[in-house]
C-alpha atoms as a PDB file:
ATOM      1  CA  MET A   1      -2.518  24.478  -7.520  1.00  0.00           C
ATOM      2  CA  THR A   2      -5.734  22.611  -8.187  1.00  0.00           C
ATOM      3  CA  GLU A   3      -7.733  21.354  -5.220  1.00  0.00           C
ATOM      4  CA  PRO A   4      -6.080  18.125  -3.992  1.00  0.00           C
ATOM      5  CA  LEU A   5      -7.902  14.814  -4.298  1.00  0.00           C
ATOM      6  CA  PHE A   6      -7.606  12.831  -1.073  1.00  0.00           C
ATOM      7  CA  ARG A   7      -8.119   9.074  -1.234  1.00  0.00           C
ATOM      8  CA  GLU A   8      -6.873   5.676  -0.087  1.00  0.00           C
ATOM      9  CA  TYR A   9      -3.886   4.430  -2.045  1.00  0.00           C
ATOM     10  CA  THR A  10      -4.039   1.802  -4.781  1.00  0.00           C
ATOM     11  CA  PRO A  11      -1.264  -0.564  -5.939  1.00  0.00           C
ATOM     12  CA  GLY A  12      -0.822   1.653  -8.982  1.00  0.00           C
ATOM     13  CA  ASP A  13       0.329   4.491  -6.707  1.00  0.00           C
ATOM     14  CA  ILE A  14       3.277   2.546  -5.289  1.00  0.00           C
ATOM     15  CA  PRO A  15       5.929   3.667  -7.838  1.00  0.00           C
ATOM     16  CA  ALA A  16       5.138   7.349  -7.199  1.00  0.00           C
ATOM     17  CA  LEU A  17       4.903   6.760  -3.452  1.00  0.00           C
ATOM     18  CA  THR A  18       8.319   5.089  -3.549  1.00  0.00           C
ATOM     19  CA  VAL A  19       9.831   8.183  -5.172  1.00  0.00           C
ATOM     20  CA  LEU A  20       8.188  10.487  -2.610  1.00  0.00           C
ATOM     21  CA  TRP A  21       9.264   8.292   0.321  1.00  0.00           C
ATOM     22  CA  THR A  22      12.883   7.997  -0.794  1.00  0.00           C
ATOM     23  CA  ASP A  23      13.074  11.743  -1.501  1.00  0.00           C
ATOM     24  CA  VAL A  24      11.667  12.744   1.908  1.00  0.00           C
ATOM     25  CA  PHE A  25      13.126  10.080   4.212  1.00  0.00           C
ATOM     26  CA  GLY A  26      16.211   8.914   2.322  1.00  0.00           C
ATOM     27  CA  ASP A  27      15.336   5.224   2.635  1.00  0.00           C
ATOM     28  CA  THR A  28      16.189   2.719  -0.069  1.00  0.00           C
ATOM     29  CA  ALA A  29      13.632   1.525  -2.580  1.00  0.00           C
ATOM     30  CA  GLU A  30      13.966  -1.975  -1.062  1.00  0.00           C
ATOM     31  CA  ILE A  31      12.690  -0.675   2.293  1.00  0.00           C
ATOM     32  CA  VAL A  32       9.692   0.976   0.650  1.00  0.00           C
ATOM     33  CA  THR A  33       8.981  -2.109  -1.461  1.00  0.00           C
ATOM     34  CA  CYS A  34       8.905  -4.278   1.659  1.00  0.00           C
ATOM     35  CA  PHE A  35       6.610  -1.836   3.438  1.00  0.00           C
ATOM     36  CA  PHE A  36       4.034  -1.862   0.669  1.00  0.00           C
ATOM     37  CA  ARG A  37       4.313  -5.642   0.335  1.00  0.00           C
ATOM     38  CA  VAL A  38       3.243  -6.160   3.959  1.00  0.00           C
ATOM     39  CA  LEU A  39       0.974  -3.104   4.234  1.00  0.00           C
ATOM     40  CA  PRO A  40      -2.279  -4.884   3.250  1.00  0.00           C
ATOM     41  CA  GLU A  41      -1.783  -7.108   6.313  1.00  0.00           C
ATOM     42  CA  ILE A  42      -0.945  -4.329   8.776  1.00  0.00           C
ATOM     43  CA  GLY A  43      -2.866  -1.207   7.722  1.00  0.00           C
ATOM     44  CA  SER A  44      -3.293   1.203   4.838  1.00  0.00           C
ATOM     45  CA  CYS A  45      -2.040   4.429   3.277  1.00  0.00           C
ATOM     46  CA  PHE A  46      -3.750   7.621   2.160  1.00  0.00           C
ATOM     47  CA  VAL A  47      -2.599   9.933  -0.605  1.00  0.00           C
ATOM     48  CA  ALA A  48      -3.160  13.439  -1.889  1.00  0.00           C
ATOM     49  CA  GLU A  49      -3.190  13.808  -5.653  1.00  0.00           C
ATOM     50  CA  CYS A  50      -2.530  17.196  -7.248  1.00  0.00           C
ATOM     51  CA  ASN A  51      -2.356  17.919 -10.963  1.00  0.00           C
ATOM     52  CA  GLY A  52      -2.335  14.195 -11.678  1.00  0.00           C
ATOM     53  CA  GLU A  53       0.607  13.385  -9.400  1.00  0.00           C
ATOM     54  CA  ILE A  54       1.084  12.199  -5.830  1.00  0.00           C
ATOM     55  CA  ALA A  55       1.682  15.202  -3.574  1.00  0.00           C
ATOM     56  CA  GLY A  56       1.548  13.565  -0.147  1.00  0.00           C
ATOM     57  CA  MET A  57       1.027  10.376   1.832  1.00  0.00           C
ATOM     58  CA  ALA A  58       0.284   9.120   5.344  1.00  0.00           C
ATOM     59  CA  SER A  59       0.225   5.508   6.455  1.00  0.00           C
ATOM     60  CA  VAL A  60      -1.522   3.950   9.419  1.00  0.00           C
ATOM     61  CA  LEU A  61      -0.680   0.611  11.031  1.00  0.00           C
ATOM     62  CA  THR A  62      -3.550  -1.196  12.738  1.00  0.00           C
ATOM     63  CA  ASP A  63      -1.861  -4.480  13.687  1.00  0.00           C
ATOM     64  CA  GLN A  64      -0.832  -3.192  17.117  1.00  0.00           C
ATOM     65  CA  ARG A  65      -2.217  -4.071  20.566  1.00  0.00           C
ATOM     66  CA  TYR A  66      -1.423  -2.514  23.927  1.00  0.00           C
ATOM     67  CA  VAL A  67      -1.065  -5.430  26.322  1.00  0.00           C
ATOM     68  CA  ASN A  68      -1.051  -4.862  30.076  1.00  0.00           C
ATOM     69  CA  GLY A  69      -1.771  -7.969  32.104  1.00  0.00           C
ATOM     70  CA  GLU A  70      -5.158  -9.284  31.017  1.00  0.00           C
ATOM     71  CA  SER A  71      -5.965  -6.079  29.122  1.00  0.00           C
ATOM     72  CA  CYS A  72      -5.453  -5.924  25.344  1.00  0.00           C
ATOM     73  CA  VAL A  73      -6.355  -2.625  23.660  1.00  0.00           C
ATOM     74  CA  PRO A  74      -6.285  -2.086  19.857  1.00  0.00           C
ATOM     75  CA  CYS A  75      -3.947   0.700  18.687  1.00  0.00           C
ATOM     76  CA  ALA A  76      -3.192   2.529  15.459  1.00  0.00           C
ATOM     77  CA  TYR A  77       0.193   4.023  14.661  1.00  0.00           C
ATOM     78  CA  ILE A  78       0.491   6.847  12.106  1.00  0.00           C
ATOM     79  CA  TYR A  79       3.663   6.454  10.080  1.00  0.00           C
ATOM     80  CA  ALA A  80       5.555   7.891   7.097  1.00  0.00           C
ATOM     81  CA  VAL A  81       3.682  11.179   6.705  1.00  0.00           C
ATOM     82  CA  ALA A  82       5.326  12.926   3.759  1.00  0.00           C
ATOM     83  CA  VAL A  83       4.468  15.848   1.495  1.00  0.00           C
ATOM     84  CA  ASP A  84       6.294  16.790  -1.680  1.00  0.00           C
ATOM     85  CA  LEU A  85       8.302  19.985  -1.154  1.00  0.00           C
ATOM     86  CA  ARG A  86       6.320  21.767  -3.889  1.00  0.00           C
ATOM     87  CA  TYR A  87       3.017  21.234  -2.076  1.00  0.00           C
ATOM     88  CA  ARG A  88       3.915  21.984   1.514  1.00  0.00           C
ATOM     89  CA  GLY A  89       2.114  24.653   3.513  1.00  0.00           C
ATOM     90  CA  ALA A  90      -1.334  23.806   2.154  1.00  0.00           C
ATOM     91  CA  GLY A  91      -2.492  21.555   4.982  1.00  0.00           C
ATOM     92  CA  ILE A  92      -2.040  18.340   3.018  1.00  0.00           C
ATOM     93  CA  GLY A  93      -0.096  16.520   5.735  1.00  0.00           C
ATOM     94  CA  ALA A  94      -2.679  17.436   8.383  1.00  0.00           C
ATOM     95  CA  LYS A  95      -5.582  16.247   6.230  1.00  0.00           C
ATOM     96  CA  LEU A  96      -3.853  12.955   5.439  1.00  0.00           C
ATOM     97  CA  SER A  97      -3.024  12.422   9.114  1.00  0.00           C
ATOM     98  CA  ARG A  98      -6.685  12.906  10.017  1.00  0.00           C
ATOM     99  CA  MET A  99      -7.687  10.372   7.362  1.00  0.00           C
ATOM    100  CA  ALA A 100      -5.182   7.909   8.789  1.00  0.00           C
ATOM    101  CA  GLU A 101      -6.586   8.484  12.288  1.00  0.00           C
ATOM    102  CA  GLU A 102     -10.149   7.943  11.072  1.00  0.00           C
ATOM    103  CA  TYR A 103      -9.135   4.681   9.411  1.00  0.00           C
ATOM    104  CA  GLY A 104      -7.564   3.532  12.663  1.00  0.00           C
ATOM    105  CA  ARG A 105     -10.704   4.377  14.644  1.00  0.00           C
ATOM    106  CA  GLU A 106     -12.892   2.608  12.071  1.00  0.00           C
ATOM    107  CA  HIS A 107     -10.725  -0.487  12.526  1.00  0.00           C
ATOM    108  CA  GLY A 108     -11.222  -0.542  16.277  1.00  0.00           C
ATOM    109  CA  ALA A 109      -8.245   1.458  17.564  1.00  0.00           C
ATOM    110  CA  GLU A 110      -8.795   2.937  21.009  1.00  0.00           C
ATOM    111  CA  ILE A 111      -5.309   4.486  21.107  1.00  0.00           C
ATOM    112  CA  ILE A 112      -3.869   6.575  18.256  1.00  0.00           C
ATOM    113  CA  ALA A 113      -0.121   7.233  18.338  1.00  0.00           C
ATOM    114  CA  THR A 114       2.787   8.539  16.327  1.00  0.00           C
ATOM    115  CA  LEU A 115       6.462   9.318  16.843  1.00  0.00           C
ATOM    116  CA  PRO A 116       7.092  12.967  15.852  1.00  0.00           C
ATOM    117  CA  ALA A 117      10.387  13.429  14.040  1.00  0.00           C
ATOM    118  CA  GLU A 118      11.216  16.653  15.893  1.00  0.00           C
ATOM    119  CA  ASP A 119      10.052  18.643  18.907  1.00  0.00           C
ATOM    120  CA  GLY A 120       8.076  21.177  16.906  1.00  0.00           C
ATOM    121  CA  LEU A 121       5.758  18.481  15.577  1.00  0.00           C
ATOM    122  CA  TYR A 122       4.300  17.531  18.966  1.00  0.00           C
ATOM    123  CA  ALA A 123       2.219  20.725  18.950  1.00  0.00           C
ATOM    124  CA  MET A 124       1.134  20.074  15.373  1.00  0.00           C
ATOM    125  CA  TYR A 125      -0.077  16.556  16.176  1.00  0.00           C
ATOM    126  CA  GLU A 126      -1.851  17.837  19.280  1.00  0.00           C
ATOM    127  CA  LYS A 127      -3.665  20.456  17.204  1.00  0.00           C
ATOM    128  CA  THR A 128      -4.378  18.133  14.299  1.00  0.00           C
ATOM    129  CA  LEU A 129      -5.186  14.854  16.032  1.00  0.00           C
ATOM    130  CA  GLY A 130      -5.512  15.691  19.717  1.00  0.00           C
ATOM    131  CA  LEU A 131      -2.425  13.673  20.678  1.00  0.00           C
ATOM    132  CA  LYS A 132      -2.003  15.411  24.042  1.00  0.00           C
ATOM    133  CA  LYS A 133      -0.197  12.664  25.946  1.00  0.00           C
ATOM    134  CA  THR A 134       3.350  11.450  25.559  1.00  0.00           C
ATOM    135  CA  LEU A 135       5.420   8.506  26.607  1.00  0.00           C
ATOM    136  CA  ARG A 136       8.981   9.470  27.513  1.00  0.00           C
ATOM    137  CA  HIS A 137      12.334   7.787  27.157  1.00  0.00           C
ATOM    138  CA  ARG A 138      15.996   8.084  28.082  1.00  0.00           C
ATOM    139  CA  LYS A 139      18.988   7.513  25.816  1.00  0.00           C
ATOM    140  CA  ILE A 140      21.581   4.914  26.816  1.00  0.00           C
ATOM    141  CA  PHE A 141      24.952   5.134  25.034  1.00  0.00           C
ATOM    142  CA  ALA A 142      28.071   2.963  25.118  1.00  0.00           C
ATOM    143  CA  VAL A 143      31.438   3.300  23.408  1.00  0.00           C
ATOM    144  CA  ALA A 144      32.516   0.351  21.268  1.00  0.00           C
ATOM    145  CA  ASP A 145      34.354  -2.351  23.197  1.00  0.00           C
ATOM    146  CA  HIS A 146      36.721  -4.099  20.795  1.00  0.00           C
ATOM    147  CA  THR A 147      37.987  -6.371  23.562  1.00  0.00           C
ATOM    148  CA  ALA A 148      34.566  -7.910  24.069  1.00  0.00           C
ATOM    149  CA  GLU A 149      33.748 -11.450  23.089  1.00  0.00           C
ATOM    150  CA  ALA A 150      31.884 -12.054  19.853  1.00  0.00           C
ATOM    151  CA  PHE A 151      28.451 -10.438  19.671  1.00  0.00           C
ATOM    152  CA  PRO A 152      26.301 -13.071  21.420  1.00  0.00           C
ATOM    153  CA  LEU A 153      23.144 -12.672  19.331  1.00  0.00           C
ATOM    154  CA  THR A 154      22.226 -14.415  16.077  1.00  0.00           C
ATOM    155  CA  PRO A 155      20.078 -13.140  13.182  1.00  0.00           C
ATOM    156  CA  ALA A 156      16.473 -14.268  13.430  1.00  0.00           C
ATOM    157  CA  SER A 157      13.432 -14.686  11.246  1.00  0.00           C
ATOM    158  CA  PRO A 158      10.549 -12.265  11.894  1.00  0.00           C
ATOM    159  CA  ALA A 159       8.468 -15.041  13.473  1.00  0.00           C
ATOM    160  CA  ALA A 160      11.289 -16.168  15.781  1.00  0.00           C
ATOM    161  CA  TYR A 161      12.063 -12.589  16.788  1.00  0.00           C
ATOM    162  CA  ASN A 162       8.431 -11.806  17.528  1.00  0.00           C
ATOM    163  CA  ALA A 163       8.016 -14.962  19.604  1.00  0.00           C
ATOM    164  CA  LYS A 164      11.087 -14.115  21.697  1.00  0.00           C
ATOM    165  CA  ARG A 165       9.903 -10.494  21.986  1.00  0.00           C
ATOM    166  CA  GLU A 166       6.545 -11.572  23.397  1.00  0.00           C
ATOM    167  CA  GLU A 167       8.252 -13.963  25.788  1.00  0.00           C
ATOM    168  CA  LEU A 168      10.537 -11.245  27.137  1.00  0.00           C
ATOM    169  CA  LEU A 169       7.758  -8.672  27.441  1.00  0.00           C
ATOM    170  CA  ALA A 170       5.070 -10.941  28.896  1.00  0.00           C
ATOM    171  CA  ALA A 171       5.214  -9.372  32.368  1.00  0.00           C
ATOM    172  CA  LEU A 172       5.518  -5.749  31.154  1.00  0.00           C
ATOM    173  CA  PRO A 173       3.039  -3.294  29.640  1.00  0.00           C
ATOM    174  CA  HIS A 174       3.926  -3.306  25.949  1.00  0.00           C
ATOM    175  CA  VAL A 175       2.698  -3.042  22.398  1.00  0.00           C
ATOM    176  CA  SER A 176       2.448  -6.246  20.390  1.00  0.00           C
ATOM    177  CA  VAL A 177       2.749  -6.236  16.615  1.00  0.00           C
ATOM    178  CA  SER A 178       2.328  -8.782  13.841  1.00  0.00           C
ATOM    179  CA  ASP A 179       5.072 -10.832  12.216  1.00  0.00           C
ATOM    180  CA  GLU A 180       4.537  -8.705   9.100  1.00  0.00           C
ATOM    181  CA  SER A 181       5.577  -5.562  10.954  1.00  0.00           C
ATOM    182  CA  ILE A 182       8.673  -7.375  12.167  1.00  0.00           C
ATOM    183  CA  GLU A 183       9.392  -8.421   8.574  1.00  0.00           C
ATOM    184  CA  TYR A 184       9.429  -4.749   7.647  1.00  0.00           C
ATOM    185  CA  LEU A 185      11.630  -3.965  10.660  1.00  0.00           C
ATOM    186  CA  LYS A 186      14.103  -6.642   9.546  1.00  0.00           C
ATOM    187  CA  THR A 187      14.309  -5.149   6.046  1.00  0.00           C
ATOM    188  CA  LEU A 188      14.735  -1.636   7.459  1.00  0.00           C
ATOM    189  CA  CYS A 189      17.628  -2.845   9.598  1.00  0.00           C
ATOM    190  CA  LYS A 190      19.309  -4.976   6.928  1.00  0.00           C
ATOM    191  CA  GLU A 191      19.218  -2.170   4.398  1.00  0.00           C
ATOM    192  CA  ASN A 192      21.203  -0.096   6.906  1.00  0.00           C
ATOM    193  CA  GLU A 193      23.901  -2.642   7.784  1.00  0.00           C
ATOM    194  CA  GLY A 194      21.940  -4.204  10.644  1.00  0.00           C
ATOM    195  CA  ASP A 195      19.454  -6.980  11.358  1.00  0.00           C
ATOM    196  CA  ILE A 196      17.131  -8.390  14.007  1.00  0.00           C
ATOM    197  CA  TYR A 197      18.755 -10.752  16.518  1.00  0.00           C
ATOM    198  CA  VAL A 198      17.859 -13.095  19.343  1.00  0.00           C
ATOM    199  CA  SER A 199      19.530 -15.089  22.099  1.00  0.00           C
ATOM    200  CA  ASP A 200      18.114 -17.096  24.982  1.00  0.00           C
ATOM    201  CA  THR A 201      17.749 -13.952  27.082  1.00  0.00           C
ATOM    202  CA  CYS A 202      17.544 -11.062  24.617  1.00  0.00           C
ATOM    203  CA  CYS A 203      16.240  -9.745  21.343  1.00  0.00           C
ATOM    204  CA  ALA A 204      17.576  -6.729  19.474  1.00  0.00           C
ATOM    205  CA  ALA A 205      16.900  -4.789  16.293  1.00  0.00           C
ATOM    206  CA  CYS A 206      19.617  -2.411  15.147  1.00  0.00           C
ATOM    207  CA  TYR A 207      21.145  -0.564  12.236  1.00  0.00           C
ATOM    208  CA  VAL A 208      24.036   1.810  11.559  1.00  0.00           C
ATOM    209  CA  ASN A 209      23.125   5.479  11.826  1.00  0.00           C
ATOM    210  CA  HIS A 210      25.797   8.162  11.245  1.00  0.00           C
ATOM    211  CA  LYS A 211      28.693   5.904  12.326  1.00  0.00           C
ATOM    212  CA  GLU A 212      26.826   4.782  15.447  1.00  0.00           C
ATOM    213  CA  VAL A 213      24.648   1.742  15.920  1.00  0.00           C
ATOM    214  CA  PHE A 214      21.043   2.550  16.776  1.00  0.00           C
ATOM    215  CA  PHE A 215      19.241  -0.242  18.600  1.00  0.00           C
ATOM    216  CA  THR A 216      15.614   0.535  17.816  1.00  0.00           C
ATOM    217  CA  GLU A 217      14.836  -2.261  20.236  1.00  0.00           C
ATOM    218  CA  LEU A 218      17.078  -3.884  22.839  1.00  0.00           C
ATOM    219  CA  LEU A 219      15.162  -6.143  25.196  1.00  0.00           C
ATOM    220  CA  CYS A 220      17.445  -7.551  27.851  1.00  0.00           C
ATOM    221  CA  SER A 221      18.343  -7.174  31.519  1.00  0.00           C
ATOM    222  CA  ASP A 222      19.778  -3.907  32.810  1.00  0.00           C
ATOM    223  CA  GLU A 223      23.048  -5.736  33.464  1.00  0.00           C
ATOM    224  CA  GLU A 224      23.315  -6.885  29.846  1.00  0.00           C
ATOM    225  CA  ARG A 225      22.379  -3.617  28.165  1.00  0.00           C
ATOM    226  CA  LYS A 226      25.658  -1.667  28.286  1.00  0.00           C
ATOM    227  CA  ARG A 227      27.635  -4.803  27.395  1.00  0.00           C
ATOM    228  CA  LEU A 228      25.451  -5.532  24.379  1.00  0.00           C
ATOM    229  CA  LEU A 229      25.581  -1.915  23.222  1.00  0.00           C
ATOM    230  CA  ALA A 230      29.386  -1.844  23.462  1.00  0.00           C
ATOM    231  CA  GLY A 231      29.700  -5.238  21.798  1.00  0.00           C
ATOM    232  CA  GLY A 232      27.209  -4.352  19.071  1.00  0.00           C
ATOM    233  CA  ALA A 233      29.141  -1.193  18.228  1.00  0.00           C
ATOM    234  CA  ALA A 234      32.360  -3.188  17.894  1.00  0.00           C
ATOM    235  CA  PHE A 235      30.573  -5.858  15.858  1.00  0.00           C
ATOM    236  CA  LYS A 236      29.485  -3.187  13.356  1.00  0.00           C
ATOM    237  CA  ASN A 237      32.849  -1.347  13.422  1.00  0.00           C
ATOM    238  CA  ALA A 238      31.114   1.734  14.792  1.00  0.00           C
ATOM    239  CA  ALA A 239      32.293   4.272  17.351  1.00  0.00           C
ATOM    240  CA  GLY A 240      29.446   3.551  19.751  1.00  0.00           C
ATOM    241  CA  ALA A 241      25.862   2.382  20.064  1.00  0.00           C
ATOM    242  CA  PHE A 242      22.705   3.654  21.698  1.00  0.00           C
ATOM    243  CA  CYS A 243      19.154   2.716  22.511  1.00  0.00           C
ATOM    244  CA  PHE A 244      16.216   4.266  24.353  1.00  0.00           C
ATOM    245  CA  ILE A 245      14.437   2.913  27.416  1.00  0.00           C
ATOM    246  CA  PRO A 246      11.150   4.049  28.980  1.00  0.00           C
ATOM    247  CA  CYS A 247      11.686   6.804  31.536  1.00  0.00           C
ATOM    248  CA  ASN A 248       8.852   8.776  33.133  1.00  0.00           C
ATOM    249  CA  ASP A 249      10.898  11.987  33.483  1.00  0.00           C
ATOM    250  CA  GLY A 250      12.885  11.636  30.258  1.00  0.00           C
ATOM    251  CA  GLU A 251      12.586  13.291  26.857  1.00  0.00           C
ATOM    252  CA  LYS A 252       9.332  13.215  24.914  1.00  0.00           C
ATOM    253  CA  SER A 253       8.842  10.140  22.784  1.00  0.00           C
ATOM    254  CA  LEU A 254       5.564   8.708  21.526  1.00  0.00           C
ATOM    255  CA  ALA A 255       2.628  11.124  21.233  1.00  0.00           C
ATOM    256  CA  TYR A 256      -0.755   9.481  21.729  1.00  0.00           C
ATOM    257  CA  ASP A 257      -4.427   9.879  22.477  1.00  0.00           C
ATOM    258  CA  GLY A 258      -6.591   7.307  24.212  1.00  0.00           C
ATOM    259  CA  GLY A 259      -6.507   5.440  27.481  1.00  0.00           C
ATOM    260  CA  GLU A 260      -3.729   5.987  29.974  1.00  0.00           C
ATOM    261  CA  LEU A 261      -0.533   4.053  29.308  1.00  0.00           C
ATOM    262  CA  GLU A 262       1.839   2.954  32.016  1.00  0.00           C
ATOM    263  CA  PRO A 263       4.981   5.147  31.924  1.00  0.00           C
ATOM    264  CA  ASP A 264       7.204   2.072  31.496  1.00  0.00           C
ATOM    265  CA  THR A 265       5.267   0.851  28.457  1.00  0.00           C
ATOM    266  CA  VAL A 266       7.565  -0.710  25.868  1.00  0.00           C
ATOM    267  CA  TRP A 267       6.509   0.655  22.481  1.00  0.00           C
ATOM    268  CA  ASN A 268       9.651   0.124  20.411  1.00  0.00           C
ATOM    269  CA  SER A 269       7.900  -0.997  17.232  1.00  0.00           C
ATOM    270  CA  THR A 270       7.993   2.562  15.878  1.00  0.00           C
ATOM    271  CA  PHE A 271      10.634   1.898  13.200  1.00  0.00           C
ATOM    272  CA  GLY A 272      13.170   4.380  14.480  1.00  0.00           C
END
């Protein structure tokens, strides 16, 4: 293998990046197309080129802010790190992740974060990027309730969803994102039989995952949560539905480096 060329992506790379993304993550081309359409507004992507072809990628989102009362701290979220099977084991993913981190720092991020796909990757991100801290969460599950009334939420535009999200989270430590990130979230959900929804008292983003409905975000009262999960599962003809809520003694979730985050921080804009 020739020495990889590491660089920031260009629009001409998008077709090859789409193939790599769909091969590694199994997402549809429509999801990837939406991501790269909004990416110039929310961050960037770095690629490794080997033998004239794209061997790896890592994206970084810099449209995020940790809001806690009067404090507002810029964040960067590393996302969609992928290496072609033929080029794994050569340190390409680690190098691209470091480039993504550097881009985030250069764009003002004081907190760098990612959501490792499996337990073994927490140690890798700690070694590679120094992400020693973690937020934790707890899974909430409900069986479908087919006797429930109609699902009380309605599909929303990204702007309407984001406005309701900020309203509901105003008193809590949370991460704010741009409407463009929510546009991507909406496409991700819709391509998997879901959508983003709002009501007067709630907002939710969900999609169908292995015959269950995964609510990547479900912002509502504790009293509403189980009812909405059960109703959402029935609405999607699924066996059950689940979401995650912040929990200081729960399972590892977001890995990060930077200032201390409150353990009940809502950081659900991690795209599942």
